N, C-alpha and C. Protein backbone atom coordinates (compact mmCIF):
# COMPACT_ATOMS: atom_id res chain seq x y z
N MET A 1 0.81 -1.19 -0.03
CA MET A 1 -0.01 0.11 -0.10
C MET A 1 1.00 1.38 -0.09
N SER A 2 0.50 2.14 -0.79
CA SER A 2 1.27 3.36 -0.96
C SER A 2 0.40 4.33 -1.68
N CYS A 3 0.66 5.58 -1.44
CA CYS A 3 0.04 6.66 -2.25
C CYS A 3 0.75 6.94 -3.52
N GLY A 4 1.97 6.28 -3.66
CA GLY A 4 2.75 6.55 -4.89
C GLY A 4 3.90 7.64 -4.64
N GLU A 5 3.69 8.32 -3.61
CA GLU A 5 4.77 9.43 -3.38
C GLU A 5 5.97 8.89 -2.49
N PRO A 6 7.01 9.41 -2.69
CA PRO A 6 8.17 9.16 -1.91
C PRO A 6 7.99 9.79 -0.52
N HIS A 7 8.30 8.98 0.57
CA HIS A 7 8.30 9.34 1.98
C HIS A 7 9.61 9.17 2.66
N GLU A 8 9.96 9.95 3.63
CA GLU A 8 11.14 9.75 4.45
C GLU A 8 11.01 8.32 5.29
N THR A 9 9.76 7.91 5.63
CA THR A 9 9.63 6.56 6.20
C THR A 9 8.70 5.80 5.23
N ASP A 10 9.13 4.85 4.76
CA ASP A 10 8.44 3.89 3.79
C ASP A 10 7.26 3.33 4.22
N CYS A 11 6.21 3.29 3.45
CA CYS A 11 4.93 2.73 3.77
C CYS A 11 5.04 1.40 4.35
N SER A 12 5.97 0.49 3.65
CA SER A 12 5.98 -0.85 4.26
C SER A 12 6.57 -0.90 5.80
N GLU A 13 7.53 -0.02 6.18
CA GLU A 13 7.92 0.05 7.47
C GLU A 13 6.74 0.52 8.41
N VAL A 14 6.03 1.48 7.92
CA VAL A 14 4.80 2.01 8.76
C VAL A 14 3.93 0.81 9.01
N LEU A 15 3.61 0.18 8.00
CA LEU A 15 2.54 -0.98 8.09
C LEU A 15 3.11 -2.14 8.89
N ASP A 16 4.46 -2.37 8.72
CA ASP A 16 4.97 -3.50 9.49
C ASP A 16 5.05 -3.41 10.98
N HIS A 17 5.03 -1.86 11.43
CA HIS A 17 5.22 -1.69 12.73
C HIS A 17 3.96 -0.92 13.31
N LEU A 18 2.82 -1.09 12.62
CA LEU A 18 1.61 -0.23 12.95
C LEU A 18 1.06 -0.65 14.31
N TYR A 19 1.09 -1.88 14.68
CA TYR A 19 0.61 -2.18 16.03
C TYR A 19 1.61 -1.79 17.17
N GLU A 20 2.82 -1.69 16.92
CA GLU A 20 3.68 -1.08 17.91
C GLU A 20 3.31 0.30 18.11
N PHE A 21 2.96 0.93 17.00
CA PHE A 21 2.72 2.44 17.06
C PHE A 21 1.32 2.54 17.80
N LEU A 22 0.35 1.74 17.57
CA LEU A 22 -0.93 1.92 18.16
C LEU A 22 -1.02 1.38 19.50
N ASP A 23 0.15 0.58 20.03
CA ASP A 23 0.26 0.02 21.45
C ASP A 23 1.16 0.98 22.02
N HIS A 24 1.58 1.94 21.50
CA HIS A 24 2.53 2.98 22.25
C HIS A 24 3.88 2.14 22.77
N GLU A 25 4.28 1.18 21.88
CA GLU A 25 5.36 0.37 22.19
C GLU A 25 6.66 0.72 21.39
N MET A 26 6.77 1.89 20.96
CA MET A 26 8.10 2.38 20.14
C MET A 26 8.46 3.70 20.76
N PRO A 27 9.82 3.94 20.47
CA PRO A 27 10.43 5.35 20.90
C PRO A 27 9.66 6.57 20.43
N ASP A 28 9.67 7.53 20.96
CA ASP A 28 8.88 8.73 20.66
C ASP A 28 9.49 9.27 19.22
N SER A 29 10.74 9.12 18.94
CA SER A 29 11.20 9.48 17.77
C SER A 29 10.64 8.78 16.53
N ASP A 30 10.46 7.42 16.69
CA ASP A 30 9.63 6.66 15.75
C ASP A 30 8.21 7.00 15.62
N CYS A 31 7.56 7.37 16.75
CA CYS A 31 6.12 7.77 16.69
C CYS A 31 6.01 9.02 16.02
N THR A 32 6.98 10.04 16.06
CA THR A 32 7.03 11.17 15.32
C THR A 32 7.07 10.99 13.82
N LYS A 33 7.99 10.07 13.48
CA LYS A 33 8.24 9.70 12.08
C LYS A 33 6.83 8.98 11.48
N PHE A 34 6.09 8.30 12.19
CA PHE A 34 4.85 7.73 11.73
C PHE A 34 3.78 8.80 11.64
N GLU A 35 3.78 9.60 12.61
CA GLU A 35 2.81 10.72 12.54
C GLU A 35 2.90 11.56 11.32
N VAL A 36 4.19 11.97 11.11
CA VAL A 36 4.53 12.80 9.79
C VAL A 36 4.06 11.95 8.59
N HIS A 37 4.53 10.62 8.56
CA HIS A 37 3.99 9.79 7.48
C HIS A 37 2.53 9.79 7.30
N PHE A 38 1.80 9.64 8.34
CA PHE A 38 0.31 9.61 8.28
C PHE A 38 -0.23 10.89 7.69
N GLU A 39 0.46 12.15 7.97
CA GLU A 39 0.08 13.41 7.37
C GLU A 39 0.13 13.46 5.87
N GLU A 40 1.06 12.63 5.41
CA GLU A 40 1.48 12.68 3.98
C GLU A 40 0.74 11.64 3.24
N CYS A 41 0.30 10.65 3.90
CA CYS A 41 0.09 9.38 3.04
C CYS A 41 -1.29 8.92 3.39
N SER A 42 -2.33 9.21 2.72
CA SER A 42 -3.77 8.97 3.12
C SER A 42 -4.04 7.41 3.07
N PRO A 43 -3.32 6.50 2.19
CA PRO A 43 -3.69 5.09 2.42
C PRO A 43 -3.31 4.52 3.68
N CYS A 44 -2.05 5.04 4.06
CA CYS A 44 -1.50 4.47 5.56
C CYS A 44 -2.40 5.05 6.45
N LEU A 45 -2.83 6.31 6.46
CA LEU A 45 -3.61 6.85 7.41
C LEU A 45 -5.03 6.02 7.59
N GLU A 46 -5.45 5.76 6.44
CA GLU A 46 -6.66 4.97 6.47
C GLU A 46 -6.57 3.57 7.09
N LYS A 47 -5.53 2.99 6.69
CA LYS A 47 -5.19 1.59 7.43
C LYS A 47 -5.09 1.86 8.88
N TYR A 48 -4.31 2.88 9.43
CA TYR A 48 -4.18 3.23 10.74
C TYR A 48 -5.51 3.33 11.45
N GLY A 49 -6.38 4.11 10.74
CA GLY A 49 -7.66 4.31 11.29
C GLY A 49 -8.50 3.12 11.48
N LEU A 50 -8.34 2.30 10.51
CA LEU A 50 -9.13 0.94 10.38
C LEU A 50 -8.69 0.06 11.60
N GLU A 51 -7.31 -0.10 11.71
CA GLU A 51 -6.76 -0.90 12.69
C GLU A 51 -7.11 -0.25 14.14
N GLN A 52 -7.08 0.89 14.28
CA GLN A 52 -7.42 1.54 15.52
C GLN A 52 -8.92 1.17 15.87
N ALA A 53 -9.83 1.29 14.96
CA ALA A 53 -11.21 0.96 15.16
C ALA A 53 -11.32 -0.45 15.56
N VAL A 54 -10.55 -1.28 14.97
CA VAL A 54 -10.72 -2.70 15.35
C VAL A 54 -10.28 -2.98 16.71
N LYS A 55 -9.08 -2.32 17.14
CA LYS A 55 -8.67 -2.53 18.47
C LYS A 55 -9.68 -2.05 19.55
N LYS A 56 -10.29 -0.88 19.17
CA LYS A 56 -11.38 -0.33 20.19
C LYS A 56 -12.53 -1.33 20.23
N LEU A 57 -12.97 -1.91 19.13
CA LEU A 57 -14.14 -2.88 18.98
C LEU A 57 -13.72 -4.15 19.89
N VAL A 58 -12.63 -4.60 19.67
CA VAL A 58 -12.29 -5.81 20.40
C VAL A 58 -12.07 -5.48 21.86
N LYS A 59 -11.45 -4.46 22.26
CA LYS A 59 -11.49 -4.09 23.68
C LYS A 59 -12.98 -3.98 24.27
N ARG A 60 -13.76 -3.29 23.45
CA ARG A 60 -15.19 -3.16 23.95
C ARG A 60 -15.88 -4.44 24.15
N CYS A 61 -15.76 -5.26 23.13
CA CYS A 61 -16.42 -6.50 23.21
C CYS A 61 -15.86 -7.62 24.00
N CYS A 62 -14.49 -7.70 24.17
CA CYS A 62 -13.70 -8.70 24.71
C CYS A 62 -13.05 -8.40 26.00
N GLY A 63 -13.04 -7.04 26.35
CA GLY A 63 -12.15 -6.65 27.52
C GLY A 63 -12.88 -6.71 28.90
N HIS A 64 -14.08 -7.40 28.90
CA HIS A 64 -14.66 -7.39 30.22
C HIS A 64 -14.52 -8.71 31.01
N ASP A 65 -13.84 -9.56 30.25
CA ASP A 65 -13.60 -10.93 31.10
C ASP A 65 -12.48 -10.75 32.01
N ASP A 66 -12.83 -11.25 33.25
CA ASP A 66 -11.75 -11.35 34.22
C ASP A 66 -10.95 -12.59 34.23
N VAL A 67 -9.67 -12.50 34.29
CA VAL A 67 -8.75 -13.49 34.36
C VAL A 67 -8.79 -14.09 35.76
N PRO A 68 -8.98 -15.51 35.75
CA PRO A 68 -8.97 -16.09 37.07
C PRO A 68 -7.61 -15.89 37.85
N THR A 69 -7.75 -15.67 39.11
CA THR A 69 -6.46 -15.31 39.84
C THR A 69 -5.45 -16.36 39.77
N ASP A 70 -5.86 -17.63 39.94
CA ASP A 70 -4.80 -18.71 39.87
C ASP A 70 -4.14 -18.86 38.45
N LEU A 71 -5.00 -18.48 37.33
CA LEU A 71 -4.30 -18.51 36.18
C LEU A 71 -3.32 -17.45 35.96
N ARG A 72 -3.64 -16.20 36.43
CA ARG A 72 -2.70 -15.02 36.33
C ARG A 72 -1.52 -15.33 37.14
N ALA A 73 -1.71 -15.95 38.37
CA ALA A 73 -0.51 -16.29 39.15
C ALA A 73 0.39 -17.31 38.50
N LYS A 74 -0.05 -18.44 37.87
CA LYS A 74 0.60 -19.34 37.08
C LYS A 74 1.45 -18.75 35.88
N VAL A 75 0.73 -17.76 35.09
CA VAL A 75 1.40 -17.17 34.02
C VAL A 75 2.46 -16.39 34.51
N MET A 76 2.22 -15.45 35.48
CA MET A 76 3.23 -14.52 36.11
C MET A 76 4.38 -15.48 36.65
N GLY A 77 4.13 -16.47 37.31
CA GLY A 77 5.21 -17.38 37.95
C GLY A 77 6.10 -17.85 36.77
N ARG A 78 5.39 -18.32 35.68
CA ARG A 78 6.10 -18.84 34.64
C ARG A 78 7.08 -17.74 33.91
N ILE A 79 6.46 -16.58 33.69
CA ILE A 79 7.22 -15.55 33.25
C ILE A 79 8.51 -15.16 33.99
N GLU A 80 8.35 -15.19 35.38
CA GLU A 80 9.43 -14.98 36.30
C GLU A 80 10.53 -16.06 36.08
N VAL A 81 10.13 -17.27 35.98
CA VAL A 81 11.12 -18.36 35.98
C VAL A 81 11.76 -18.26 34.56
N ILE A 82 11.19 -18.03 33.48
CA ILE A 82 11.83 -17.73 32.26
C ILE A 82 12.79 -16.55 32.23
N ARG A 83 12.39 -15.46 32.78
CA ARG A 83 13.24 -14.14 33.14
C ARG A 83 14.43 -14.48 33.72
N SER A 84 14.34 -15.31 34.87
CA SER A 84 15.46 -15.49 35.81
C SER A 84 16.44 -16.48 34.99
N GLY A 85 16.04 -17.09 34.09
CA GLY A 85 16.95 -17.99 33.36
C GLY A 85 16.87 -19.44 33.96
N GLN A 86 16.04 -19.64 34.83
CA GLN A 86 15.92 -21.04 35.46
C GLN A 86 15.44 -22.05 34.56
N ALA A 87 14.58 -21.68 33.51
CA ALA A 87 14.02 -22.50 32.55
C ALA A 87 13.96 -21.85 31.20
N GLY A 88 14.11 -22.63 30.19
CA GLY A 88 14.06 -22.02 28.75
C GLY A 88 12.53 -21.95 28.50
N PRO A 89 11.97 -21.12 27.55
CA PRO A 89 10.74 -20.92 27.14
C PRO A 89 10.10 -22.25 26.52
N GLU A 90 11.06 -23.25 25.92
CA GLU A 90 10.63 -24.29 25.37
C GLU A 90 10.13 -25.43 26.23
N GLU A 91 10.61 -25.21 27.60
CA GLU A 91 10.39 -26.32 28.50
C GLU A 91 8.75 -26.31 28.77
N GLY A 92 8.13 -27.37 28.91
CA GLY A 92 6.83 -27.41 29.36
C GLY A 92 5.82 -26.99 28.43
N MET A 93 6.28 -26.90 27.02
CA MET A 93 5.37 -26.43 26.02
C MET A 93 4.04 -27.19 25.70
N GLY A 94 4.13 -28.52 26.07
CA GLY A 94 2.87 -29.26 26.01
C GLY A 94 1.62 -28.66 26.86
N ASN A 95 2.22 -28.11 28.15
CA ASN A 95 1.16 -27.35 28.79
C ASN A 95 1.98 -26.27 29.53
N PRO A 96 2.13 -25.09 28.92
CA PRO A 96 2.93 -24.08 29.34
C PRO A 96 2.58 -23.55 30.73
N LEU A 97 1.36 -23.84 31.30
CA LEU A 97 1.04 -23.42 32.53
C LEU A 97 1.20 -24.47 33.64
N ALA A 98 1.66 -25.55 33.29
CA ALA A 98 1.77 -26.74 34.20
C ALA A 98 2.90 -26.27 35.18
């Protein structure tokens, strides 16, 4: 997708990292580059708007389910084990929460 015009930040880069932008998971300097790109490129701006609307819809429709406390504790415990280096992420893949 491209508007056919050259941009400082290529459309493919913007679209490849769109969810990082939407989720505020990129450095401010990259966010600024994306914002400039959206001002210049209506096809990418349209794609951004569509993905933003989908995220809001999913959050509204699916964001009300509470995670059971024991499941949350198991997941967090597993994350801590992996981060500490005591176990590799491939261990226990048959049942990652076991």
